[in-house]
């Protein structure tokens, strides 16, 4: 959890340009200035998209 928190904070503080996360880790994240989201694999259930 600590590593995830540090990565998110670095991204929010614009110290990192890219954030890579699993579908589970990405739930609940909201970054207003995001221009693009890339999904590597489509989710198995449409509700997860």
N, C-alpha and C. Protein backbone atom coordinates (compact mmCIF):
# COMPACT_ATOMS: atom_id res chain seq x y z
N UNK A 1 0.82 -1.20 0.00
CA UNK A 1 0.00 0.00 0.00
C UNK A 1 0.87 1.26 0.00
N UNK A 2 1.97 1.22 0.72
CA UNK A 2 2.84 2.40 0.81
C UNK A 2 3.44 2.75 -0.56
N UNK A 3 3.83 1.74 -1.31
CA UNK A 3 4.39 1.97 -2.64
C UNK A 3 3.34 2.61 -3.56
N UNK A 4 2.11 2.12 -3.49
CA UNK A 4 1.00 2.68 -4.29
C UNK A 4 0.77 4.14 -3.93
N UNK A 5 0.73 4.43 -2.65
CA UNK A 5 0.50 5.79 -2.18
C UNK A 5 1.60 6.73 -2.66
N UNK A 6 2.85 6.28 -2.57
CA UNK A 6 3.98 7.11 -3.02
C UNK A 6 3.91 7.36 -4.52
N UNK A 7 3.54 6.35 -5.29
CA UNK A 7 3.44 6.50 -6.75
C UNK A 7 2.34 7.49 -7.11
N UNK A 8 1.21 7.40 -6.45
CA UNK A 8 0.09 8.31 -6.72
C UNK A 8 0.47 9.75 -6.35
N UNK A 9 1.12 9.92 -5.22
CA UNK A 9 1.53 11.26 -4.80
C UNK A 9 2.55 11.85 -5.78
N UNK A 10 3.50 11.05 -6.24
CA UNK A 10 4.49 11.53 -7.21
C UNK A 10 3.80 11.95 -8.50
N UNK A 11 2.79 11.21 -8.91
CA UNK A 11 2.04 11.55 -10.12
C UNK A 11 1.26 12.85 -9.92
N UNK A 12 0.59 12.98 -8.78
CA UNK A 12 -0.18 14.19 -8.48
C UNK A 12 0.72 15.43 -8.42
N UNK A 13 1.93 15.25 -7.90
CA UNK A 13 2.86 16.37 -7.77
C UNK A 13 3.64 16.61 -9.06
N UNK A 14 3.27 15.91 -10.12
CA UNK A 14 3.89 16.02 -11.44
C UNK A 14 5.38 15.70 -11.43
N UNK A 15 5.78 14.82 -10.52
CA UNK A 15 7.15 14.32 -10.50
C UNK A 15 7.29 13.14 -11.45
N UNK A 16 6.17 12.53 -11.81
CA UNK A 16 6.11 11.42 -12.76
C UNK A 16 5.10 11.76 -13.84
N UNK A 17 5.42 11.41 -15.09
CA UNK A 17 4.54 11.72 -16.22
C UNK A 17 3.54 10.61 -16.52
N UNK A 18 3.84 9.39 -16.08
CA UNK A 18 3.02 8.23 -16.40
C UNK A 18 2.74 7.45 -15.12
N UNK A 19 1.50 6.98 -15.02
CA UNK A 19 1.11 6.13 -13.90
C UNK A 19 0.53 4.85 -14.48
N UNK A 20 1.10 3.72 -14.12
CA UNK A 20 0.62 2.42 -14.59
C UNK A 20 -0.02 1.71 -13.40
N UNK A 21 -1.25 1.21 -13.62
CA UNK A 21 -1.97 0.56 -12.52
C UNK A 21 -2.84 -0.57 -13.05
N UNK A 22 -3.11 -1.53 -12.20
CA UNK A 22 -4.05 -2.59 -12.55
C UNK A 22 -5.46 -2.02 -12.47
N UNK A 23 -6.42 -2.76 -12.97
CA UNK A 23 -7.81 -2.28 -12.90
C UNK A 23 -8.26 -2.12 -11.46
N UNK A 24 -7.80 -2.98 -10.58
CA UNK A 24 -8.18 -2.89 -9.17
C UNK A 24 -7.56 -1.65 -8.53
N UNK A 25 -6.29 -1.41 -8.80
CA UNK A 25 -5.60 -0.26 -8.22
C UNK A 25 -6.15 1.06 -8.74
N UNK A 26 -6.66 1.05 -9.95
CA UNK A 26 -7.12 2.30 -10.56
C UNK A 26 -8.51 2.73 -10.08
N UNK A 27 -9.25 1.84 -9.48
CA UNK A 27 -10.61 2.19 -9.02
C UNK A 27 -10.53 3.27 -7.94
N UNK A 28 -11.34 4.29 -8.11
CA UNK A 28 -11.38 5.37 -7.14
C UNK A 28 -10.38 6.47 -7.38
N UNK A 29 -9.51 6.31 -8.37
CA UNK A 29 -8.56 7.38 -8.68
C UNK A 29 -9.22 8.41 -9.57
N UNK A 30 -8.96 9.67 -9.29
CA UNK A 30 -9.52 10.74 -10.11
C UNK A 30 -8.46 11.83 -10.25
N UNK A 31 -8.02 12.05 -11.48
CA UNK A 31 -7.05 13.08 -11.79
C UNK A 31 -7.67 14.00 -12.83
N UNK A 32 -8.15 15.18 -12.42
CA UNK A 32 -8.88 16.07 -13.33
C UNK A 32 -8.11 16.47 -14.58
N UNK A 33 -6.79 16.57 -14.52
CA UNK A 33 -6.01 17.06 -15.66
C UNK A 33 -5.60 15.95 -16.64
N UNK A 34 -6.07 14.74 -16.42
CA UNK A 34 -5.70 13.62 -17.30
C UNK A 34 -6.29 13.82 -18.69
N UNK A 35 -5.45 13.66 -19.71
CA UNK A 35 -5.91 13.80 -21.08
C UNK A 35 -6.15 12.44 -21.74
N UNK A 36 -5.39 11.42 -21.33
CA UNK A 36 -5.50 10.11 -21.97
C UNK A 36 -5.42 8.99 -20.94
N UNK A 37 -6.21 7.96 -21.19
CA UNK A 37 -6.13 6.72 -20.42
C UNK A 37 -6.00 5.60 -21.43
N UNK A 38 -5.00 4.74 -21.24
CA UNK A 38 -4.78 3.62 -22.15
C UNK A 38 -5.08 2.33 -21.40
N UNK A 39 -6.01 1.55 -21.93
CA UNK A 39 -6.32 0.23 -21.37
C UNK A 39 -5.57 -0.80 -22.20
N UNK A 40 -4.69 -1.54 -21.55
CA UNK A 40 -3.90 -2.56 -22.24
C UNK A 40 -4.79 -3.73 -22.65
N UNK A 41 -5.59 -4.20 -21.74
CA UNK A 41 -6.54 -5.28 -22.00
C UNK A 41 -7.94 -4.78 -21.64
N UNK A 42 -8.91 -5.21 -22.40
CA UNK A 42 -10.29 -4.85 -22.08
C UNK A 42 -10.73 -5.69 -20.88
N UNK A 43 -11.55 -5.11 -20.01
CA UNK A 43 -12.05 -5.88 -18.86
C UNK A 43 -13.00 -6.98 -19.32
N UNK A 44 -13.06 -8.02 -18.53
CA UNK A 44 -13.94 -9.15 -18.86
C UNK A 44 -15.40 -8.77 -18.68
N UNK A 45 -15.69 -7.86 -17.76
CA UNK A 45 -17.06 -7.43 -17.51
C UNK A 45 -17.20 -5.95 -17.87
N UNK A 46 -18.22 -5.60 -18.62
CA UNK A 46 -18.41 -4.24 -19.09
C UNK A 46 -18.53 -3.25 -17.94
N UNK A 47 -19.02 -3.69 -16.79
CA UNK A 47 -19.17 -2.81 -15.63
C UNK A 47 -17.82 -2.28 -15.14
N UNK A 48 -16.76 -3.01 -15.44
CA UNK A 48 -15.42 -2.61 -15.01
C UNK A 48 -14.76 -1.63 -15.97
N UNK A 49 -15.42 -1.33 -17.08
CA UNK A 49 -14.83 -0.43 -18.07
C UNK A 49 -15.12 1.00 -17.74
